[in-house]
Amino acid sequence: MSQPTEAVTTPTTARPASSTPTQAPAADQNEAARLFSLSIVISGTRCLLTYIVFPWVLPVLGIAGGVGPVVGVVVGVVAIAFNLLSIRRWRASGHAWRVPLMTLNSIVIVFLLVLVAIDVSRLVS
């Protein structure tokens, strides 16, 4: 005599799509980290040029006393663009640190906007 077999089912709990963590591929996370590093390096280079090279080093050498604001605007705009690219890449990644790093990028952009505004005011006056 054969006995009917019962199907064993395990209850499943479906989570809403919004709470399901999504992991971006490692390549996306690496690209996000690379862009973040590059944007910080460009921003740091802009500060190095603006506050050390142009006001102190070049005048001591007798070179390019008045190019600081022009270069500051150009490098500042490039740095802002790279920070925006970095934010875009972090937002698409599933990296655990994406929110703090996007916040840091945003703070750097605010500082750069202030510095570019100061440089533009020096050029205009």
N, C-alpha and C. Protein backbone atom coordinates (compact mmCIF):
# COMPACT_ATOMS: atom_id res chain seq x y z
N MET A 1 0.83 -1.16 0.00
CA MET A 1 0.00 0.00 0.00
C MET A 1 0.89 1.24 0.00
N SER A 2 0.66 2.13 -0.92
CA SER A 2 1.47 3.33 -1.00
C SER A 2 0.79 4.47 -0.25
N GLN A 3 1.60 5.21 0.40
CA GLN A 3 1.07 6.36 1.14
C GLN A 3 1.35 7.62 0.33
N PRO A 4 0.40 8.52 0.33
CA PRO A 4 0.63 9.76 -0.42
C PRO A 4 1.76 10.56 0.23
N THR A 5 2.57 11.14 -0.62
CA THR A 5 3.64 11.98 -0.10
C THR A 5 3.15 13.41 -0.03
N GLU A 6 3.52 14.03 1.03
CA GLU A 6 3.13 15.42 1.20
C GLU A 6 4.29 16.31 0.77
N ALA A 7 3.97 17.31 0.06
CA ALA A 7 4.99 18.25 -0.35
C ALA A 7 5.35 19.13 0.84
N VAL A 8 6.60 19.24 1.07
CA VAL A 8 7.06 20.10 2.16
C VAL A 8 7.34 21.46 1.58
N THR A 9 6.66 22.40 2.11
CA THR A 9 6.88 23.77 1.64
C THR A 9 7.38 24.61 2.79
N THR A 10 8.28 25.48 2.47
CA THR A 10 8.78 26.40 3.48
C THR A 10 8.14 27.74 3.21
N PRO A 11 7.68 28.37 4.27
CA PRO A 11 7.07 29.68 4.05
C PRO A 11 8.12 30.68 3.59
N THR A 12 7.75 31.46 2.65
CA THR A 12 8.65 32.50 2.16
C THR A 12 8.10 33.85 2.57
N THR A 13 9.00 34.69 2.94
CA THR A 13 8.61 36.06 3.28
C THR A 13 9.19 36.96 2.21
N ALA A 14 8.34 37.60 1.54
CA ALA A 14 8.79 38.50 0.48
C ALA A 14 9.03 39.87 1.08
N ARG A 15 10.20 40.40 0.80
CA ARG A 15 10.51 41.75 1.24
C ARG A 15 10.16 42.71 0.13
N PRO A 16 9.73 43.91 0.51
CA PRO A 16 9.47 44.90 -0.54
C PRO A 16 10.74 45.18 -1.32
N ALA A 17 10.58 45.49 -2.57
CA ALA A 17 11.73 45.74 -3.45
C ALA A 17 12.60 46.87 -2.93
N SER A 18 12.02 47.86 -2.27
CA SER A 18 12.80 49.00 -1.81
C SER A 18 13.73 48.63 -0.67
N SER A 19 13.40 47.57 0.11
CA SER A 19 14.27 47.22 1.23
C SER A 19 15.27 46.13 0.87
N THR A 20 15.17 45.60 -0.33
CA THR A 20 16.10 44.57 -0.76
C THR A 20 17.43 45.22 -1.13
N PRO A 21 18.50 44.84 -0.44
CA PRO A 21 19.78 45.45 -0.78
C PRO A 21 20.25 44.97 -2.14
N THR A 22 20.75 45.89 -2.89
CA THR A 22 21.28 45.52 -4.20
C THR A 22 22.78 45.71 -4.16
N GLN A 23 23.47 44.72 -4.60
CA GLN A 23 24.91 44.80 -4.65
C GLN A 23 25.34 45.10 -6.08
N ALA A 24 26.08 46.16 -6.21
CA ALA A 24 26.62 46.49 -7.51
C ALA A 24 27.82 45.58 -7.77
N PRO A 25 28.12 45.34 -9.01
CA PRO A 25 29.32 44.55 -9.31
C PRO A 25 30.57 45.22 -8.73
N ALA A 26 31.55 44.41 -8.43
CA ALA A 26 32.79 44.92 -7.86
C ALA A 26 33.43 45.95 -8.77
N ALA A 27 33.28 45.79 -10.07
CA ALA A 27 33.87 46.75 -11.01
C ALA A 27 33.26 48.14 -10.81
N ASP A 28 31.93 48.21 -10.57
CA ASP A 28 31.30 49.51 -10.32
C ASP A 28 31.82 50.14 -9.04
N GLN A 29 31.99 49.32 -8.01
CA GLN A 29 32.50 49.85 -6.75
C GLN A 29 33.95 50.31 -6.90
N ASN A 30 34.74 49.58 -7.66
CA ASN A 30 36.12 50.00 -7.90
C ASN A 30 36.16 51.29 -8.71
N GLU A 31 35.30 51.40 -9.70
CA GLU A 31 35.25 52.62 -10.51
C GLU A 31 34.80 53.80 -9.65
N ALA A 32 33.85 53.59 -8.75
CA ALA A 32 33.40 54.65 -7.86
C ALA A 32 34.55 55.10 -6.95
N ALA A 33 35.29 54.15 -6.42
CA ALA A 33 36.42 54.48 -5.55
C ALA A 33 37.50 55.23 -6.34
N ARG A 34 37.74 54.80 -7.58
CA ARG A 34 38.75 55.46 -8.41
C ARG A 34 38.36 56.90 -8.71
N LEU A 35 37.09 57.11 -9.07
CA LEU A 35 36.63 58.47 -9.35
C LEU A 35 36.65 59.34 -8.11
N PHE A 36 36.31 58.77 -6.96
CA PHE A 36 36.36 59.52 -5.71
C PHE A 36 37.79 59.97 -5.44
N SER A 37 38.73 59.05 -5.56
CA SER A 37 40.14 59.38 -5.32
C SER A 37 40.62 60.45 -6.28
N LEU A 38 40.26 60.31 -7.54
CA LEU A 38 40.68 61.28 -8.54
C LEU A 38 40.08 62.66 -8.26
N SER A 39 38.81 62.71 -7.87
CA SER A 39 38.19 64.01 -7.60
C SER A 39 38.82 64.68 -6.39
N ILE A 40 39.18 63.90 -5.36
CA ILE A 40 39.84 64.47 -4.19
C ILE A 40 41.25 64.95 -4.53
N VAL A 41 41.96 64.20 -5.36
CA VAL A 41 43.30 64.63 -5.78
C VAL A 41 43.23 65.92 -6.58
N ILE A 42 42.28 66.03 -7.48
CA ILE A 42 42.14 67.27 -8.27
C ILE A 42 41.79 68.44 -7.37
N SER A 43 40.88 68.22 -6.43
CA SER A 43 40.51 69.29 -5.49
C SER A 43 41.71 69.70 -4.64
N GLY A 44 42.47 68.72 -4.19
CA GLY A 44 43.67 69.02 -3.41
C GLY A 44 44.72 69.75 -4.22
N THR A 45 44.86 69.37 -5.49
CA THR A 45 45.81 70.05 -6.38
C THR A 45 45.42 71.51 -6.56
N ARG A 46 44.13 71.76 -6.69
CA ARG A 46 43.65 73.13 -6.83
C ARG A 46 44.01 73.95 -5.59
N CYS A 47 43.83 73.36 -4.42
CA CYS A 47 44.18 74.07 -3.18
C CYS A 47 45.68 74.29 -3.07
N LEU A 48 46.47 73.29 -3.44
CA LEU A 48 47.92 73.42 -3.41
C LEU A 48 48.38 74.55 -4.34
N LEU A 49 47.84 74.58 -5.55
CA LEU A 49 48.20 75.64 -6.49
C LEU A 49 47.75 77.01 -5.98
N THR A 50 46.53 77.08 -5.48
CA THR A 50 45.96 78.37 -5.08
C THR A 50 46.63 78.95 -3.84
N TYR A 51 46.97 78.12 -2.87
CA TYR A 51 47.44 78.64 -1.59
C TYR A 51 48.93 78.51 -1.35
N ILE A 52 49.63 77.74 -2.17
CA ILE A 52 51.07 77.59 -1.95
C ILE A 52 51.87 77.98 -3.19
N VAL A 53 51.57 77.37 -4.32
CA VAL A 53 52.41 77.58 -5.50
C VAL A 53 52.27 79.00 -6.03
N PHE A 54 51.03 79.44 -6.31
CA PHE A 54 50.86 80.76 -6.93
C PHE A 54 51.16 81.94 -6.00
N PRO A 55 50.72 81.94 -4.76
CA PRO A 55 51.03 83.11 -3.95
C PRO A 55 52.44 83.13 -3.36
N TRP A 56 53.11 81.97 -3.22
CA TRP A 56 54.40 81.95 -2.54
C TRP A 56 55.54 81.50 -3.43
N VAL A 57 55.42 80.38 -4.08
CA VAL A 57 56.56 79.80 -4.81
C VAL A 57 56.86 80.58 -6.09
N LEU A 58 55.87 80.79 -6.93
CA LEU A 58 56.13 81.47 -8.20
C LEU A 58 56.59 82.91 -8.03
N PRO A 59 55.99 83.71 -7.13
CA PRO A 59 56.52 85.07 -6.95
C PRO A 59 57.96 85.08 -6.43
N VAL A 60 58.33 84.13 -5.59
CA VAL A 60 59.71 84.05 -5.11
C VAL A 60 60.65 83.79 -6.28
N LEU A 61 60.18 82.97 -7.22
CA LEU A 61 60.99 82.69 -8.41
C LEU A 61 60.86 83.78 -9.47
N GLY A 62 59.98 84.75 -9.24
CA GLY A 62 59.79 85.84 -10.19
C GLY A 62 58.95 85.43 -11.40
N ILE A 63 58.11 84.45 -11.23
CA ILE A 63 57.30 83.93 -12.34
C ILE A 63 55.82 84.06 -12.01
N ALA A 64 55.02 84.43 -13.00
CA ALA A 64 53.56 84.33 -12.97
C ALA A 64 52.91 84.80 -11.68
N GLY A 65 53.07 86.06 -11.38
CA GLY A 65 52.47 86.59 -10.17
C GLY A 65 50.96 86.69 -10.20
N GLY A 66 50.32 86.90 -11.36
CA GLY A 66 48.90 87.15 -11.40
C GLY A 66 48.03 86.08 -12.03
N VAL A 67 48.55 84.87 -12.21
CA VAL A 67 47.76 83.84 -12.87
C VAL A 67 46.94 82.98 -11.91
N GLY A 68 47.09 83.19 -10.63
CA GLY A 68 46.41 82.38 -9.63
C GLY A 68 44.91 82.28 -9.82
N PRO A 69 44.20 83.42 -9.92
CA PRO A 69 42.74 83.34 -10.08
C PRO A 69 42.29 82.64 -11.36
N VAL A 70 43.00 82.85 -12.44
CA VAL A 70 42.62 82.21 -13.71
C VAL A 70 42.76 80.69 -13.59
N VAL A 71 43.90 80.25 -13.11
CA VAL A 71 44.12 78.82 -12.94
C VAL A 71 43.17 78.27 -11.88
N GLY A 72 42.90 79.04 -10.84
CA GLY A 72 41.98 78.61 -9.80
C GLY A 72 40.58 78.33 -10.34
N VAL A 73 40.11 79.20 -11.24
CA VAL A 73 38.78 78.99 -11.84
C VAL A 73 38.78 77.74 -12.70
N VAL A 74 39.80 77.59 -13.55
CA VAL A 74 39.86 76.43 -14.45
C VAL A 74 39.95 75.12 -13.66
N VAL A 75 40.89 75.06 -12.74
CA VAL A 75 41.07 73.83 -11.97
C VAL A 75 39.86 73.59 -11.07
N GLY A 76 39.26 74.65 -10.54
CA GLY A 76 38.08 74.51 -9.71
C GLY A 76 36.90 73.91 -10.46
N VAL A 77 36.70 74.38 -11.68
CA VAL A 77 35.60 73.84 -12.51
C VAL A 77 35.86 72.36 -12.84
N VAL A 78 37.09 72.02 -13.16
CA VAL A 78 37.43 70.62 -13.44
C VAL A 78 37.22 69.77 -12.19
N ALA A 79 37.63 70.28 -11.04
CA ALA A 79 37.46 69.53 -9.79
C ALA A 79 35.98 69.33 -9.47
N ILE A 80 35.16 70.34 -9.70
CA ILE A 80 33.72 70.21 -9.47
C ILE A 80 33.14 69.13 -10.39
N ALA A 81 33.56 69.13 -11.65
CA ALA A 81 33.06 68.13 -12.60
C ALA A 81 33.42 66.72 -12.14
N PHE A 82 34.65 66.51 -11.69
CA PHE A 82 35.05 65.19 -11.25
C PHE A 82 34.33 64.80 -9.96
N ASN A 83 34.07 65.74 -9.08
CA ASN A 83 33.30 65.42 -7.88
C ASN A 83 31.88 65.02 -8.24
N LEU A 84 31.29 65.69 -9.22
CA LEU A 84 29.94 65.32 -9.66
C LEU A 84 29.93 63.92 -10.28
N LEU A 85 30.95 63.60 -11.08
CA LEU A 85 31.06 62.24 -11.63
C LEU A 85 31.22 61.20 -10.52
N SER A 86 31.98 61.56 -9.51
CA SER A 86 32.17 60.65 -8.39
C SER A 86 30.85 60.40 -7.66
N ILE A 87 30.08 61.46 -7.43
CA ILE A 87 28.77 61.30 -6.78
C ILE A 87 27.87 60.41 -7.62
N ARG A 88 27.87 60.63 -8.90
CA ARG A 88 27.03 59.82 -9.79
C ARG A 88 27.41 58.35 -9.71
N ARG A 89 28.70 58.06 -9.70
CA ARG A 89 29.16 56.68 -9.65
C ARG A 89 28.87 56.05 -8.28
N TRP A 90 29.07 56.80 -7.20
CA TRP A 90 28.76 56.26 -5.87
C TRP A 90 27.28 55.94 -5.75
N ARG A 91 26.45 56.82 -6.27
CA ARG A 91 25.00 56.61 -6.17
C ARG A 91 24.59 55.32 -6.87
N ALA A 92 25.25 54.98 -7.96
CA ALA A 92 24.91 53.77 -8.70
C ALA A 92 25.49 52.51 -8.06
N SER A 93 26.47 52.67 -7.19
CA SER A 93 27.11 51.49 -6.60
C SER A 93 26.34 51.05 -5.36
N GLY A 94 26.59 49.85 -4.95
CA GLY A 94 25.97 49.35 -3.74
C GLY A 94 26.94 49.36 -2.57
N HIS A 95 27.93 50.22 -2.64
CA HIS A 95 28.98 50.28 -1.63
C HIS A 95 28.42 50.72 -0.29
N ALA A 96 28.91 50.13 0.77
CA ALA A 96 28.42 50.45 2.11
C ALA A 96 28.72 51.90 2.51
N TRP A 97 29.78 52.48 1.98
CA TRP A 97 30.18 53.84 2.35
C TRP A 97 29.70 54.89 1.36
N ARG A 98 28.78 54.56 0.48
CA ARG A 98 28.41 55.49 -0.58
C ARG A 98 27.80 56.79 -0.05
N VAL A 99 26.96 56.72 0.97
CA VAL A 99 26.32 57.94 1.47
C VAL A 99 27.33 58.88 2.14
N PRO A 100 28.20 58.39 3.03
CA PRO A 100 29.20 59.30 3.60
C PRO A 100 30.15 59.89 2.54
N LEU A 101 30.51 59.07 1.55
CA LEU A 101 31.43 59.57 0.52
C LEU A 101 30.75 60.56 -0.41
N MET A 102 29.48 60.34 -0.72
CA MET A 102 28.74 61.34 -1.52
C MET A 102 28.59 62.63 -0.73
N THR A 103 28.43 62.53 0.58
CA THR A 103 28.34 63.72 1.43
C THR A 103 29.67 64.48 1.40
N LEU A 104 30.78 63.74 1.50
CA LEU A 104 32.10 64.38 1.44
C LEU A 104 32.30 65.06 0.09
N ASN A 105 31.93 64.38 -1.00
CA ASN A 105 32.02 64.99 -2.33
C ASN A 105 31.21 66.28 -2.38
N SER A 106 30.02 66.26 -1.81
CA SER A 106 29.15 67.44 -1.83
C SER A 106 29.75 68.60 -1.05
N ILE A 107 30.35 68.30 0.09
CA ILE A 107 31.00 69.35 0.89
C ILE A 107 32.18 69.94 0.12
N VAL A 108 32.96 69.10 -0.54
CA VAL A 108 34.08 69.59 -1.34
C VAL A 108 33.57 70.48 -2.47
N ILE A 109 32.45 70.11 -3.09
CA ILE A 109 31.88 70.94 -4.17
C ILE A 109 31.48 72.31 -3.63
N VAL A 110 30.89 72.36 -2.45
CA VAL A 110 30.50 73.65 -1.86
C VAL A 110 31.74 74.52 -1.64
N PHE A 111 32.79 73.93 -1.07
CA PHE A 111 34.04 74.68 -0.87
C PHE A 111 34.61 75.17 -2.20
N LEU A 112 34.60 74.30 -3.20
CA LEU A 112 35.13 74.69 -4.51
C LEU A 112 34.30 75.80 -5.14
N LEU A 113 32.98 75.75 -4.99
CA LEU A 113 32.14 76.83 -5.52
C LEU A 113 32.47 78.17 -4.86
N VAL A 114 32.71 78.14 -3.56
CA VAL A 114 33.10 79.38 -2.86
C VAL A 114 34.44 79.88 -3.39
N LEU A 115 35.40 78.97 -3.54
CA LEU A 115 36.72 79.38 -4.03
C LEU A 115 36.67 79.89 -5.48
N VAL A 116 35.87 79.25 -6.31
CA VAL A 116 35.72 79.73 -7.69
C VAL A 116 35.07 81.11 -7.69
N ALA A 117 34.09 81.33 -6.84
CA ALA A 117 33.44 82.64 -6.75
C ALA A 117 34.44 83.71 -6.30
N ILE A 118 35.29 83.36 -5.35
CA ILE A 118 36.32 84.32 -4.90
C ILE A 118 37.29 84.63 -6.06
N ASP A 119 37.71 83.59 -6.78
CA ASP A 119 38.62 83.81 -7.92
C ASP A 119 37.97 84.66 -9.00
N VAL A 120 36.69 84.40 -9.29
CA VAL A 120 35.99 85.20 -10.30
C VAL A 120 35.89 86.65 -9.84
N SER A 121 35.62 86.87 -8.55
CA SER A 121 35.54 88.26 -8.06
C SER A 121 36.89 88.96 -8.17
N ARG A 122 37.97 88.23 -7.98
CA ARG A 122 39.32 88.83 -8.13
C ARG A 122 39.60 89.17 -9.59
N LEU A 123 39.10 88.32 -10.49
CA LEU A 123 39.30 88.60 -11.91
C LEU A 123 38.49 89.80 -12.38
N VAL A 124 37.29 89.94 -11.84
CA VAL A 124 36.40 91.03 -12.25
C VAL A 124 36.87 92.36 -11.70
N SER A 125 37.37 92.36 -10.48
CA SER A 125 37.78 93.64 -9.85
C SER A 125 39.13 94.11 -10.26
